[in-house]
Amino acid sequence: MKYTQLKESERVVIEVLLEEGKSMRAISKRLGRSVGTVSREIQRNRNQNSKQYVAVKAHTKAVKRLKYQRYKA
């Protein structure tokens, strides 16, 4: 199976569903992604102080990490 980055639109869906109080399992089913993917995404990209997940900021952080990744695919 080929690995693909989450798209900004998927991050927006995560943000909206988290605000609605949906579980990670429900979010992962909606996106067609594994629960681990959704969990890692939320842990990596939520605000450290408020613990809130903001899709636009999450996407910006992910793009920066991609720019500085060690191994290029």
PDB file of N, CA and C in Angstrom:
ATOM      1  N   MET A   1       0.833  -1.175   0.000  1.00  0.00           N
ATOM      2  CA  MET A   1       0.000   0.000   0.000  1.00  0.00           C
ATOM      3  C   MET A   1       0.880   1.241   0.000  1.00  0.00           C
ATOM      4  N   LYS A   2       0.553   2.194  -0.838  1.00  0.00           N
ATOM      5  CA  LYS A   2       1.335   3.419  -0.945  1.00  0.00           C
ATOM      6  C   LYS A   2       0.899   4.421   0.118  1.00  0.00           C
ATOM      7  N   TYR A   3       1.882   5.045   0.746  1.00  0.00           N
ATOM      8  CA  TYR A   3       1.628   6.050   1.772  1.00  0.00           C
ATOM      9  C   TYR A   3       1.273   7.373   1.121  1.00  0.00           C
ATOM     10  N   THR A   4       0.264   8.049   1.631  1.00  0.00           N
ATOM     11  CA  THR A   4      -0.081   9.389   1.140  1.00  0.00           C
ATOM     12  C   THR A   4      -0.276  10.326   2.314  1.00  0.00           C
ATOM     13  N   GLN A   5       0.158  11.558   2.129  1.00  0.00           N
ATOM     14  CA  GLN A   5      -0.030  12.594   3.148  1.00  0.00           C
ATOM     15  C   GLN A   5      -1.517  12.929   3.264  1.00  0.00           C
ATOM     16  N   LEU A   6      -1.905  13.389   4.434  1.00  0.00           N
ATOM     17  CA  LEU A   6      -3.267  13.892   4.587  1.00  0.00           C
ATOM     18  C   LEU A   6      -3.393  15.195   3.799  1.00  0.00           C
ATOM     19  N   LYS A   7      -4.515  15.367   3.157  1.00  0.00           N
ATOM     20  CA  LYS A   7      -4.772  16.599   2.416  1.00  0.00           C
ATOM     21  C   LYS A   7      -5.352  17.633   3.370  1.00  0.00           C
ATOM     22  N   GLU A   8      -5.272  18.889   2.970  1.00  0.00           N
ATOM     23  CA  GLU A   8      -5.816  19.959   3.810  1.00  0.00           C
ATOM     24  C   GLU A   8      -7.311  19.749   4.045  1.00  0.00           C
ATOM     25  N   SER A   9      -8.016  19.276   3.031  1.00  0.00           N
ATOM     26  CA  SER A   9      -9.459  19.042   3.182  1.00  0.00           C
ATOM     27  C   SER A   9      -9.742  17.962   4.230  1.00  0.00           C
ATOM     28  N   GLU A  10      -8.866  16.938   4.309  1.00  0.00           N
ATOM     29  CA  GLU A  10      -9.030  15.900   5.316  1.00  0.00           C
ATOM     30  C   GLU A  10      -8.778  16.459   6.714  1.00  0.00           C
ATOM     31  N   ARG A  11      -7.833  17.367   6.814  1.00  0.00           N
ATOM     32  CA  ARG A  11      -7.552  18.003   8.104  1.00  0.00           C
ATOM     33  C   ARG A  11      -8.741  18.858   8.557  1.00  0.00           C
ATOM     34  N   VAL A  12      -9.394  19.500   7.619  1.00  0.00           N
ATOM     35  CA  VAL A  12     -10.594  20.291   7.950  1.00  0.00           C
ATOM     36  C   VAL A  12     -11.689  19.373   8.481  1.00  0.00           C
ATOM     37  N   VAL A  13     -11.855  18.217   7.850  1.00  0.00           N
ATOM     38  CA  VAL A  13     -12.855  17.243   8.316  1.00  0.00           C
ATOM     39  C   VAL A  13     -12.520  16.794   9.741  1.00  0.00           C
ATOM     40  N   ILE A  14     -11.248  16.545  10.012  1.00  0.00           N
ATOM     41  CA  ILE A  14     -10.827  16.150  11.362  1.00  0.00           C
ATOM     42  C   ILE A  14     -11.203  17.240  12.360  1.00  0.00           C
ATOM     43  N   GLU A  15     -10.890  18.480  12.017  1.00  0.00           N
ATOM     44  CA  GLU A  15     -11.195  19.601  12.916  1.00  0.00           C
ATOM     45  C   GLU A  15     -12.696  19.687  13.208  1.00  0.00           C
ATOM     46  N   VAL A  16     -13.512  19.618  12.175  1.00  0.00           N
ATOM     47  CA  VAL A  16     -14.960  19.736  12.337  1.00  0.00           C
ATOM     48  C   VAL A  16     -15.515  18.584  13.184  1.00  0.00           C
ATOM     49  N   LEU A  17     -15.080  17.370  12.880  1.00  0.00           N
ATOM     50  CA  LEU A  17     -15.590  16.220  13.616  1.00  0.00           C
ATOM     51  C   LEU A  17     -15.122  16.208  15.064  1.00  0.00           C
ATOM     52  N   LEU A  18     -13.916  16.688  15.335  1.00  0.00           N
ATOM     53  CA  LEU A  18     -13.455  16.809  16.717  1.00  0.00           C
ATOM     54  C   LEU A  18     -14.312  17.814  17.479  1.00  0.00           C
ATOM     55  N   GLU A  19     -14.644  18.919  16.821  1.00  0.00           N
ATOM     56  CA  GLU A  19     -15.499  19.927  17.448  1.00  0.00           C
ATOM     57  C   GLU A  19     -16.891  19.378  17.741  1.00  0.00           C
ATOM     58  N   GLU A  20     -17.343  18.442  16.920  1.00  0.00           N
ATOM     59  CA  GLU A  20     -18.641  17.799  17.132  1.00  0.00           C
ATOM     60  C   GLU A  20     -18.575  16.713  18.205  1.00  0.00           C
ATOM     61  N   GLY A  21     -17.364  16.422  18.678  1.00  0.00           N
ATOM     62  CA  GLY A  21     -17.199  15.429  19.730  1.00  0.00           C
ATOM     63  C   GLY A  21     -17.103  14.000  19.235  1.00  0.00           C
ATOM     64  N   LYS A  22     -16.813  13.816  17.961  1.00  0.00           N
ATOM     65  CA  LYS A  22     -16.695  12.467  17.392  1.00  0.00           C
ATOM     66  C   LYS A  22     -15.397  11.807  17.864  1.00  0.00           C
ATOM     67  N   SER A  23     -15.420  10.488  17.929  1.00  0.00           N
ATOM     68  CA  SER A  23     -14.243   9.725  18.342  1.00  0.00           C
ATOM     69  C   SER A  23     -13.247   9.617  17.188  1.00  0.00           C
ATOM     70  N   MET A  24     -12.017   9.260  17.528  1.00  0.00           N
ATOM     71  CA  MET A  24     -10.996   9.062  16.497  1.00  0.00           C
ATOM     72  C   MET A  24     -11.389   7.928  15.564  1.00  0.00           C
ATOM     73  N   ARG A  25     -12.024   6.901  16.118  1.00  0.00           N
ATOM     74  CA  ARG A  25     -12.462   5.775  15.292  1.00  0.00           C
ATOM     75  C   ARG A  25     -13.519   6.229  14.276  1.00  0.00           C
ATOM     76  N   ALA A  26     -14.455   7.072  14.701  1.00  0.00           N
ATOM     77  CA  ALA A  26     -15.487   7.575  13.794  1.00  0.00           C
ATOM     78  C   ALA A  26     -14.883   8.477  12.719  1.00  0.00           C
ATOM     79  N   ILE A  27     -13.907   9.283  13.125  1.00  0.00           N
ATOM     80  CA  ILE A  27     -13.231  10.171  12.167  1.00  0.00           C
ATOM     81  C   ILE A  27     -12.469   9.336  11.138  1.00  0.00           C
ATOM     82  N   SER A  28     -11.774   8.307  11.609  1.00  0.00           N
ATOM     83  CA  SER A  28     -10.984   7.488  10.689  1.00  0.00           C
ATOM     84  C   SER A  28     -11.872   6.751   9.690  1.00  0.00           C
ATOM     85  N   LYS A  29     -13.021   6.273  10.141  1.00  0.00           N
ATOM     86  CA  LYS A  29     -13.953   5.614   9.216  1.00  0.00           C
ATOM     87  C   LYS A  29     -14.449   6.599   8.166  1.00  0.00           C
ATOM     88  N   ARG A  30     -14.767   7.798   8.595  1.00  0.00           N
ATOM     89  CA  ARG A  30     -15.264   8.833   7.669  1.00  0.00           C
ATOM     90  C   ARG A  30     -14.231   9.165   6.601  1.00  0.00           C
ATOM     91  N   LEU A  31     -12.948   9.210   7.009  1.00  0.00           N
ATOM     92  CA  LEU A  31     -11.874   9.564   6.071  1.00  0.00           C
ATOM     93  C   LEU A  31     -11.346   8.369   5.276  1.00  0.00           C
ATOM     94  N   GLY A  32     -11.626   7.167   5.751  1.00  0.00           N
ATOM     95  CA  GLY A  32     -11.062   5.989   5.109  1.00  0.00           C
ATOM     96  C   GLY A  32      -9.587   5.828   5.418  1.00  0.00           C
ATOM     97  N   ARG A  33      -9.191   6.278   6.607  1.00  0.00           N
ATOM     98  CA  ARG A  33      -7.804   6.192   7.073  1.00  0.00           C
ATOM     99  C   ARG A  33      -7.760   5.344   8.332  1.00  0.00           C
ATOM    100  N   SER A  34      -6.572   4.912   8.714  1.00  0.00           N
ATOM    101  CA  SER A  34      -6.453   4.122   9.933  1.00  0.00           C
ATOM    102  C   SER A  34      -6.598   5.026  11.155  1.00  0.00           C
ATOM    103  N   VAL A  35      -6.991   4.415  12.270  1.00  0.00           N
ATOM    104  CA  VAL A  35      -7.140   5.159  13.525  1.00  0.00           C
ATOM    105  C   VAL A  35      -5.791   5.734  13.936  1.00  0.00           C
ATOM    106  N   GLY A  36      -4.719   4.982  13.703  1.00  0.00           N
ATOM    107  CA  GLY A  36      -3.375   5.450  14.047  1.00  0.00           C
ATOM    108  C   GLY A  36      -2.985   6.709  13.300  1.00  0.00           C
ATOM    109  N   THR A  37      -3.368   6.791  12.039  1.00  0.00           N
ATOM    110  CA  THR A  37      -3.075   7.981  11.239  1.00  0.00           C
ATOM    111  C   THR A  37      -3.754   9.197  11.834  1.00  0.00           C
ATOM    112  N   VAL A  38      -5.022   9.051  12.167  1.00  0.00           N
ATOM    113  CA  VAL A  38      -5.787  10.174  12.732  1.00  0.00           C
ATOM    114  C   VAL A  38      -5.220  10.556  14.096  1.00  0.00           C
ATOM    115  N   SER A  39      -4.910   9.566  14.903  1.00  0.00           N
ATOM    116  CA  SER A  39      -4.355   9.819  16.230  1.00  0.00           C
ATOM    117  C   SER A  39      -3.033  10.572  16.152  1.00  0.00           C
ATOM    118  N   ARG A  40      -2.131  10.104  15.294  1.00  0.00           N
ATOM    119  CA  ARG A  40      -0.827  10.779  15.130  1.00  0.00           C
ATOM    120  C   ARG A  40      -1.003  12.195  14.622  1.00  0.00           C
ATOM    121  N   GLU A  41      -1.909  12.382  13.685  1.00  0.00           N
ATOM    122  CA  GLU A  41      -2.166  13.710  13.132  1.00  0.00           C
ATOM    123  C   GLU A  41      -2.602  14.676  14.228  1.00  0.00           C
ATOM    124  N   ILE A  42      -3.512  14.235  15.070  1.00  0.00           N
ATOM    125  CA  ILE A  42      -4.016  15.097  16.144  1.00  0.00           C
ATOM    126  C   ILE A  42      -2.921  15.377  17.164  1.00  0.00           C
ATOM    127  N   GLN A  43      -2.170  14.359  17.551  1.00  0.00           N
ATOM    128  CA  GLN A  43      -1.104  14.545  18.538  1.00  0.00           C
ATOM    129  C   GLN A  43      -0.013  15.476  18.031  1.00  0.00           C
ATOM    130  N   ARG A  44       0.369  15.319  16.785  1.00  0.00           N
ATOM    131  CA  ARG A  44       1.452  16.132  16.227  1.00  0.00           C
ATOM    132  C   ARG A  44       1.068  17.587  16.043  1.00  0.00           C
ATOM    133  N   ASN A  45      -0.178  17.822  15.691  1.00  0.00           N
ATOM    134  CA  ASN A  45      -0.544  19.146  15.201  1.00  0.00           C
ATOM    135  C   ASN A  45      -1.521  19.929  16.058  1.00  0.00           C
ATOM    136  N   ARG A  46      -1.845  19.431  17.232  1.00  0.00           N
ATOM    137  CA  ARG A  46      -2.733  20.227  18.080  1.00  0.00           C
ATOM    138  C   ARG A  46      -1.924  21.277  18.814  1.00  0.00           C
ATOM    139  N   ASN A  47      -2.620  22.312  19.261  1.00  0.00           N
ATOM    140  CA  ASN A  47      -1.996  23.389  20.011  1.00  0.00           C
ATOM    141  C   ASN A  47      -1.556  22.835  21.361  1.00  0.00           C
ATOM    142  N   GLN A  48      -0.313  23.056  21.734  1.00  0.00           N
ATOM    143  CA  GLN A  48       0.227  22.481  22.966  1.00  0.00           C
ATOM    144  C   GLN A  48      -0.428  23.058  24.221  1.00  0.00           C
ATOM    145  N   ASN A  49      -0.859  24.313  24.166  1.00  0.00           N
ATOM    146  CA  ASN A  49      -1.461  24.938  25.347  1.00  0.00           C
ATOM    147  C   ASN A  49      -2.941  24.605  25.489  1.00  0.00           C
ATOM    148  N   SER A  50      -3.695  24.818  24.431  1.00  0.00           N
ATOM    149  CA  SER A  50      -5.145  24.628  24.512  1.00  0.00           C
ATOM    150  C   SER A  50      -5.584  23.220  24.131  1.00  0.00           C
ATOM    151  N   LYS A  51      -4.678  22.429  23.557  1.00  0.00           N
ATOM    152  CA  LYS A  51      -4.978  21.069  23.086  1.00  0.00           C
ATOM    153  C   LYS A  51      -6.018  21.069  21.968  1.00  0.00           C
ATOM    154  N   GLN A  52      -6.209  22.209  21.338  1.00  0.00           N
ATOM    155  CA  GLN A  52      -7.183  22.329  20.256  1.00  0.00           C
ATOM    156  C   GLN A  52      -6.505  22.045  18.918  1.00  0.00           C
ATOM    157  N   TYR A  53      -7.221  21.363  18.027  1.00  0.00           N
ATOM    158  CA  TYR A  53      -6.713  21.035  16.697  1.00  0.00           C
ATOM    159  C   TYR A  53      -7.268  22.055  15.706  1.00  0.00           C
ATOM    160  N   VAL A  54      -6.383  22.764  14.999  1.00  0.00           N
ATOM    161  CA  VAL A  54      -6.774  23.749  13.999  1.00  0.00           C
ATOM    162  C   VAL A  54      -6.195  23.300  12.659  1.00  0.00           C
ATOM    163  N   ALA A  55      -7.081  23.023  11.702  1.00  0.00           N
ATOM    164  CA  ALA A  55      -6.682  22.412  10.437  1.00  0.00           C
ATOM    165  C   ALA A  55      -5.666  23.247   9.654  1.00  0.00           C
ATOM    166  N   VAL A  56      -5.873  24.547   9.558  1.00  0.00           N
ATOM    167  CA  VAL A  56      -4.970  25.397   8.768  1.00  0.00           C
ATOM    168  C   VAL A  56      -3.571  25.390   9.375  1.00  0.00           C
ATOM    169  N   LYS A  57      -3.487  25.516  10.689  1.00  0.00           N
ATOM    170  CA  LYS A  57      -2.178  25.484  11.350  1.00  0.00           C
ATOM    171  C   LYS A  57      -1.545  24.102  11.219  1.00  0.00           C
ATOM    172  N   ALA A  58      -2.366  23.059  11.333  1.00  0.00           N
ATOM    173  CA  ALA A  58      -1.864  21.693  11.199  1.00  0.00           C
ATOM    174  C   ALA A  58      -1.268  21.468   9.819  1.00  0.00           C
ATOM    175  N   HIS A  59      -1.944  21.964   8.795  1.00  0.00           N
ATOM    176  CA  HIS A  59      -1.446  21.788   7.429  1.00  0.00           C
ATOM    177  C   HIS A  59      -0.134  22.554   7.238  1.00  0.00           C
ATOM    178  N   THR A  60      -0.052  23.753   7.786  1.00  0.00           N
ATOM    179  CA  THR A  60       1.177  24.543   7.684  1.00  0.00           C
ATOM    180  C   THR A  60       2.344  23.821   8.349  1.00  0.00           C
ATOM    181  N   LYS A  61       2.102  23.264   9.537  1.00  0.00           N
ATOM    182  CA  LYS A  61       3.159  22.525  10.240  1.00  0.00           C
ATOM    183  C   LYS A  61       3.579  21.291   9.449  1.00  0.00           C
ATOM    184  N   ALA A  62       2.624  20.604   8.855  1.00  0.00           N
ATOM    185  CA  ALA A  62       2.926  19.395   8.080  1.00  0.00           C
ATOM    186  C   ALA A  62       3.746  19.727   6.837  1.00  0.00           C
ATOM    187  N   VAL A  63       3.416  20.814   6.176  1.00  0.00           N
ATOM    188  CA  VAL A  63       4.162  21.229   4.986  1.00  0.00           C
ATOM    189  C   VAL A  63       5.599  21.591   5.361  1.00  0.00           C
ATOM    190  N   LYS A  64       5.776  22.264   6.499  1.00  0.00           N
ATOM    191  CA  LYS A  64       7.127  22.594   6.958  1.00  0.00           C
ATOM    192  C   LYS A  64       7.927  21.332   7.247  1.00  0.00           C
ATOM    193  N   ARG A  65       7.293  20.359   7.926  1.00  0.00           N
ATOM    194  CA  ARG A  65       7.989  19.100   8.215  1.00  0.00           C
ATOM    195  C   ARG A  65       8.365  18.377   6.933  1.00  0.00           C
ATOM    196  N   LEU A  66       7.488  18.413   5.956  1.00  0.00           N
ATOM    197  CA  LEU A  66       7.747  17.754   4.678  1.00  0.00           C
ATOM    198  C   LEU A  66       8.958  18.392   3.995  1.00  0.00           C
ATOM    199  N   LYS A  67       9.064  19.703   4.107  1.00  0.00           N
ATOM    200  CA  LYS A  67      10.173  20.428   3.502  1.00  0.00           C
ATOM    201  C   LYS A  67      11.518  19.996   4.100  1.00  0.00           C
ATOM    202  N   TYR A  68      11.518  19.672   5.392  1.00  0.00           N
ATOM    203  CA  TYR A  68      12.756  19.333   6.078  1.00  0.00           C
ATOM    204  C   TYR A  68      12.901  17.837   6.355  1.00  0.00           C
ATOM    205  N   GLN A  69      12.141  17.016   5.651  1.00  0.00           N
ATOM    206  CA  GLN A  69      12.226  15.584   5.909  1.00  0.00           C
ATOM    207  C   GLN A  69      13.609  15.052   5.546  1.00  0.00           C
ATOM    208  N   ARG A  70      13.992  14.026   6.255  1.00  0.00           N
ATOM    209  CA  ARG A  70      15.331  13.476   6.096  1.00  0.00           C
ATOM    210  C   ARG A  70      15.471  12.664   4.820  1.00  0.00           C
ATOM    211  N   TYR A  71      14.470  11.841   4.559  1.00  0.00           N
ATOM    212  CA  TYR A  71      14.531  10.972   3.396  1.00  0.00           C
ATOM    213  C   TYR A  71      13.454  11.389   2.397  1.00  0.00           C
ATOM    214  N   LYS A  72      13.864  11.668   1.212  1.00  0.00           N
ATOM    215  CA  LYS A  72      12.919  12.063   0.159  1.00  0.00           C
ATOM    216  C   LYS A  72      12.403  10.829  -0.525  1.00  0.00           C
ATOM    217  N   ALA A  73      11.099  10.804  -0.748  1.00  0.00           N
ATOM    218  CA  ALA A  73      10.486   9.631  -1.399  1.00  0.00           C
ATOM    219  C   ALA A  73      10.641   9.710  -2.900  1.00  0.00           C
TER     220      ALA A  73
END
